Amino acid sequence: MKQARFLVSGRVQGVGFRAAARSEALRLGLSGHARNLRDGDVEVVAIGDEAAIESLGSWLLHGPPAARVDSLRREACNHDEPLRGFLMR
């Protein structure tokens, strides 16, 4: 299984970004989590098929309608915690 950590910057808190990211990730068959960071960004960790992770990354570039994504950064991830489903933290 592949893993990726995305950091999403812009107007991404208070606009339903995590819930929408969770819905999209579940639709793609991914596990992981989405959480707000103190600096105003959203972190999304995705675990699963590389093609599905790529699709999620493309979706994260825009997010839900109320969001404004200024930047998206993808990093390698080695998440040790076993995750089932997709959590919002």
N, C-alpha and C. Protein backbone atom coordinates (compact mmCIF):
# COMPACT_ATOMS: atom_id res chain seq x y z
N MET A 1 0.83 -1.19 0.00
CA MET A 1 0.00 0.00 0.00
C MET A 1 0.87 1.25 0.00
N LYS A 2 0.46 2.21 -0.78
CA LYS A 2 1.15 3.50 -0.84
C LYS A 2 0.57 4.43 0.21
N GLN A 3 1.38 5.41 0.58
CA GLN A 3 0.97 6.42 1.55
C GLN A 3 1.43 7.79 1.07
N ALA A 4 0.63 8.80 1.38
CA ALA A 4 1.01 10.17 1.05
C ALA A 4 0.43 11.10 2.11
N ARG A 5 1.17 12.17 2.36
CA ARG A 5 0.71 13.23 3.26
C ARG A 5 0.58 14.50 2.42
N PHE A 6 -0.61 15.09 2.45
CA PHE A 6 -0.86 16.33 1.73
C PHE A 6 -1.04 17.46 2.74
N LEU A 7 -0.46 18.60 2.45
CA LEU A 7 -0.68 19.81 3.23
C LEU A 7 -1.38 20.81 2.33
N VAL A 8 -2.57 21.22 2.74
CA VAL A 8 -3.40 22.10 1.93
C VAL A 8 -3.49 23.46 2.62
N SER A 9 -3.14 24.52 1.89
CA SER A 9 -3.16 25.87 2.43
C SER A 9 -4.18 26.71 1.69
N GLY A 10 -4.69 27.71 2.39
CA GLY A 10 -5.67 28.63 1.80
C GLY A 10 -6.83 28.79 2.75
N ARG A 11 -8.02 29.02 2.21
CA ARG A 11 -9.23 29.05 3.04
C ARG A 11 -9.77 27.63 3.08
N VAL A 12 -9.23 26.84 4.01
CA VAL A 12 -9.54 25.41 4.06
C VAL A 12 -10.07 24.97 5.43
N GLN A 13 -10.18 25.90 6.37
CA GLN A 13 -10.79 25.58 7.65
C GLN A 13 -12.09 26.34 7.77
N GLY A 14 -13.09 25.69 8.34
CA GLY A 14 -14.39 26.33 8.51
C GLY A 14 -15.25 26.34 7.26
N VAL A 15 -14.86 25.54 6.26
CA VAL A 15 -15.61 25.50 4.99
C VAL A 15 -16.01 24.07 4.61
N GLY A 16 -15.92 23.13 5.57
CA GLY A 16 -16.29 21.74 5.30
C GLY A 16 -15.24 20.96 4.53
N PHE A 17 -13.99 21.44 4.56
CA PHE A 17 -12.94 20.80 3.77
C PHE A 17 -12.67 19.37 4.24
N ARG A 18 -12.52 19.18 5.55
CA ARG A 18 -12.20 17.83 6.05
C ARG A 18 -13.30 16.83 5.73
N ALA A 19 -14.55 17.22 5.93
CA ALA A 19 -15.66 16.31 5.65
C ALA A 19 -15.74 15.98 4.17
N ALA A 20 -15.52 16.96 3.32
CA ALA A 20 -15.56 16.72 1.88
C ALA A 20 -14.37 15.85 1.45
N ALA A 21 -13.20 16.09 2.04
CA ALA A 21 -12.02 15.26 1.73
C ALA A 21 -12.26 13.82 2.17
N ARG A 22 -12.89 13.66 3.33
CA ARG A 22 -13.20 12.31 3.82
C ARG A 22 -14.14 11.60 2.84
N SER A 23 -15.18 12.27 2.40
CA SER A 23 -16.13 11.67 1.44
C SER A 23 -15.44 11.26 0.15
N GLU A 24 -14.57 12.14 -0.35
CA GLU A 24 -13.85 11.83 -1.58
C GLU A 24 -12.89 10.66 -1.38
N ALA A 25 -12.18 10.65 -0.27
CA ALA A 25 -11.24 9.55 0.01
C ALA A 25 -11.98 8.22 0.13
N LEU A 26 -13.10 8.21 0.82
CA LEU A 26 -13.88 6.97 0.96
C LEU A 26 -14.41 6.52 -0.40
N ARG A 27 -14.85 7.47 -1.22
CA ARG A 27 -15.32 7.13 -2.57
C ARG A 27 -14.21 6.45 -3.38
N LEU A 28 -12.97 6.88 -3.14
CA LEU A 28 -11.81 6.34 -3.85
C LEU A 28 -11.25 5.07 -3.20
N GLY A 29 -11.81 4.66 -2.07
CA GLY A 29 -11.36 3.45 -1.40
C GLY A 29 -10.10 3.63 -0.57
N LEU A 30 -9.84 4.85 -0.13
CA LEU A 30 -8.65 5.14 0.66
C LEU A 30 -8.95 5.14 2.15
N SER A 31 -7.94 4.86 2.94
CA SER A 31 -8.04 5.07 4.38
C SER A 31 -7.09 6.20 4.74
N GLY A 32 -7.20 6.70 5.96
CA GLY A 32 -6.33 7.78 6.39
C GLY A 32 -7.04 8.74 7.30
N HIS A 33 -6.64 10.00 7.25
CA HIS A 33 -7.30 11.02 8.07
C HIS A 33 -7.13 12.41 7.47
N ALA A 34 -7.98 13.31 7.92
CA ALA A 34 -7.87 14.73 7.59
C ALA A 34 -7.98 15.49 8.90
N ARG A 35 -7.09 16.45 9.10
CA ARG A 35 -7.15 17.21 10.35
C ARG A 35 -6.71 18.65 10.12
N ASN A 36 -7.30 19.53 10.91
CA ASN A 36 -6.91 20.93 10.90
C ASN A 36 -5.59 21.09 11.64
N LEU A 37 -4.72 21.92 11.12
CA LEU A 37 -3.47 22.24 11.79
C LEU A 37 -3.58 23.64 12.39
N ARG A 38 -2.79 23.90 13.39
CA ARG A 38 -2.85 25.18 14.10
C ARG A 38 -2.53 26.37 13.20
N ASP A 39 -1.75 26.14 12.15
CA ASP A 39 -1.37 27.26 11.27
C ASP A 39 -2.43 27.59 10.23
N GLY A 40 -3.58 26.90 10.28
CA GLY A 40 -4.66 27.17 9.34
C GLY A 40 -4.72 26.23 8.16
N ASP A 41 -3.71 25.38 8.00
CA ASP A 41 -3.69 24.40 6.93
C ASP A 41 -4.51 23.18 7.31
N VAL A 42 -4.74 22.31 6.35
CA VAL A 42 -5.34 21.01 6.59
C VAL A 42 -4.34 19.95 6.15
N GLU A 43 -4.14 18.96 7.00
CA GLU A 43 -3.28 17.80 6.67
C GLU A 43 -4.20 16.64 6.28
N VAL A 44 -3.87 16.01 5.17
CA VAL A 44 -4.60 14.83 4.72
C VAL A 44 -3.58 13.71 4.52
N VAL A 45 -3.76 12.61 5.24
CA VAL A 45 -2.93 11.42 5.06
C VAL A 45 -3.79 10.40 4.35
N ALA A 46 -3.29 9.87 3.23
CA ALA A 46 -4.03 8.91 2.42
C ALA A 46 -3.22 7.63 2.27
N ILE A 47 -3.90 6.51 2.44
CA ILE A 47 -3.27 5.20 2.34
C ILE A 47 -4.10 4.35 1.40
N GLY A 48 -3.44 3.76 0.40
CA GLY A 48 -4.15 2.90 -0.53
C GLY A 48 -3.45 2.83 -1.87
N ASP A 49 -4.22 2.61 -2.91
CA ASP A 49 -3.72 2.49 -4.26
C ASP A 49 -3.17 3.82 -4.76
N GLU A 50 -2.03 3.79 -5.44
CA GLU A 50 -1.39 5.03 -5.92
C GLU A 50 -2.31 5.84 -6.84
N ALA A 51 -3.03 5.16 -7.71
CA ALA A 51 -3.92 5.89 -8.62
C ALA A 51 -5.01 6.62 -7.84
N ALA A 52 -5.52 5.99 -6.79
CA ALA A 52 -6.55 6.63 -5.96
C ALA A 52 -5.96 7.80 -5.19
N ILE A 53 -4.73 7.66 -4.71
CA ILE A 53 -4.07 8.77 -4.01
C ILE A 53 -3.86 9.94 -4.97
N GLU A 54 -3.47 9.65 -6.20
CA GLU A 54 -3.30 10.69 -7.21
C GLU A 54 -4.63 11.41 -7.47
N SER A 55 -5.71 10.64 -7.56
CA SER A 55 -7.03 11.23 -7.77
C SER A 55 -7.42 12.13 -6.61
N LEU A 56 -7.15 11.68 -5.39
CA LEU A 56 -7.44 12.52 -4.23
C LEU A 56 -6.62 13.80 -4.28
N GLY A 57 -5.35 13.69 -4.65
CA GLY A 57 -4.50 14.87 -4.77
C GLY A 57 -5.06 15.87 -5.77
N SER A 58 -5.58 15.39 -6.89
CA SER A 58 -6.20 16.27 -7.88
C SER A 58 -7.43 16.95 -7.30
N TRP A 59 -8.22 16.20 -6.55
CA TRP A 59 -9.41 16.78 -5.92
C TRP A 59 -9.02 17.83 -4.88
N LEU A 60 -7.96 17.55 -4.12
CA LEU A 60 -7.53 18.48 -3.08
C LEU A 60 -7.08 19.82 -3.64
N LEU A 61 -6.68 19.88 -4.89
CA LEU A 61 -6.28 21.14 -5.51
C LEU A 61 -7.42 22.16 -5.53
N HIS A 62 -8.65 21.68 -5.47
CA HIS A 62 -9.82 22.55 -5.52
C HIS A 62 -10.66 22.46 -4.25
N GLY A 63 -10.82 21.25 -3.71
CA GLY A 63 -11.62 21.06 -2.51
C GLY A 63 -13.09 21.35 -2.76
N PRO A 64 -13.85 21.52 -1.67
CA PRO A 64 -15.28 21.80 -1.82
C PRO A 64 -15.52 23.22 -2.31
N PRO A 65 -16.74 23.54 -2.74
CA PRO A 65 -17.01 24.85 -3.34
C PRO A 65 -16.65 26.06 -2.47
N ALA A 66 -16.82 25.97 -1.16
CA ALA A 66 -16.55 27.14 -0.29
C ALA A 66 -15.06 27.34 -0.01
N ALA A 67 -14.24 26.39 -0.38
CA ALA A 67 -12.80 26.47 -0.09
C ALA A 67 -12.06 27.27 -1.16
N ARG A 68 -10.90 27.76 -0.79
CA ARG A 68 -9.97 28.38 -1.74
C ARG A 68 -8.59 27.78 -1.44
N VAL A 69 -8.11 26.95 -2.32
CA VAL A 69 -6.81 26.31 -2.12
C VAL A 69 -5.74 27.18 -2.77
N ASP A 70 -4.81 27.65 -1.93
CA ASP A 70 -3.69 28.46 -2.43
C ASP A 70 -2.48 27.61 -2.78
N SER A 71 -2.28 26.53 -2.03
CA SER A 71 -1.17 25.63 -2.34
C SER A 71 -1.45 24.24 -1.81
N LEU A 72 -0.87 23.27 -2.48
CA LEU A 72 -0.98 21.87 -2.09
C LEU A 72 0.42 21.27 -2.18
N ARG A 73 0.84 20.65 -1.10
CA ARG A 73 2.15 20.01 -1.07
C ARG A 73 1.96 18.54 -0.74
N ARG A 74 2.61 17.67 -1.49
CA ARG A 74 2.57 16.23 -1.22
C ARG A 74 3.93 15.80 -0.71
N GLU A 75 3.89 15.00 0.34
CA GLU A 75 5.12 14.47 0.94
C GLU A 75 5.00 12.97 1.08
N ALA A 76 6.15 12.31 1.11
CA ALA A 76 6.16 10.89 1.43
C ALA A 76 5.70 10.72 2.87
N CYS A 77 5.13 9.61 3.15
CA CYS A 77 4.57 9.38 4.48
C CYS A 77 4.86 7.94 4.88
N ASN A 78 5.17 7.75 6.13
CA ASN A 78 5.36 6.41 6.66
C ASN A 78 4.54 6.32 7.94
N HIS A 79 3.22 6.32 7.77
CA HIS A 79 2.29 6.35 8.90
C HIS A 79 2.24 4.98 9.55
N ASP A 80 2.63 4.91 10.82
CA ASP A 80 2.68 3.64 11.53
C ASP A 80 1.34 3.19 12.09
N GLU A 81 0.52 4.15 12.48
CA GLU A 81 -0.76 3.84 13.11
C GLU A 81 -1.69 3.17 12.11
N PRO A 82 -2.20 1.99 12.43
CA PRO A 82 -3.14 1.36 11.50
C PRO A 82 -4.45 2.14 11.44
N LEU A 83 -4.86 2.48 10.26
CA LEU A 83 -6.07 3.26 10.07
C LEU A 83 -7.10 2.44 9.30
N ARG A 84 -8.31 2.46 9.79
CA ARG A 84 -9.42 1.82 9.08
C ARG A 84 -10.42 2.91 8.77
N GLY A 85 -10.83 2.95 7.55
CA GLY A 85 -11.74 4.02 7.14
C GLY A 85 -10.97 5.31 6.99
N PHE A 86 -11.69 6.41 7.07
CA PHE A 86 -11.05 7.71 6.92
C PHE A 86 -11.56 8.60 8.04
N LEU A 87 -10.68 9.03 8.90
CA LEU A 87 -11.03 9.77 10.10
C LEU A 87 -10.91 11.28 9.90
N MET A 88 -11.73 12.00 10.63
CA MET A 88 -11.56 13.46 10.73
C MET A 88 -11.08 13.73 12.15
N ARG A 89 -9.97 14.41 12.24
CA ARG A 89 -9.39 14.68 13.56
C ARG A 89 -9.38 16.15 13.84
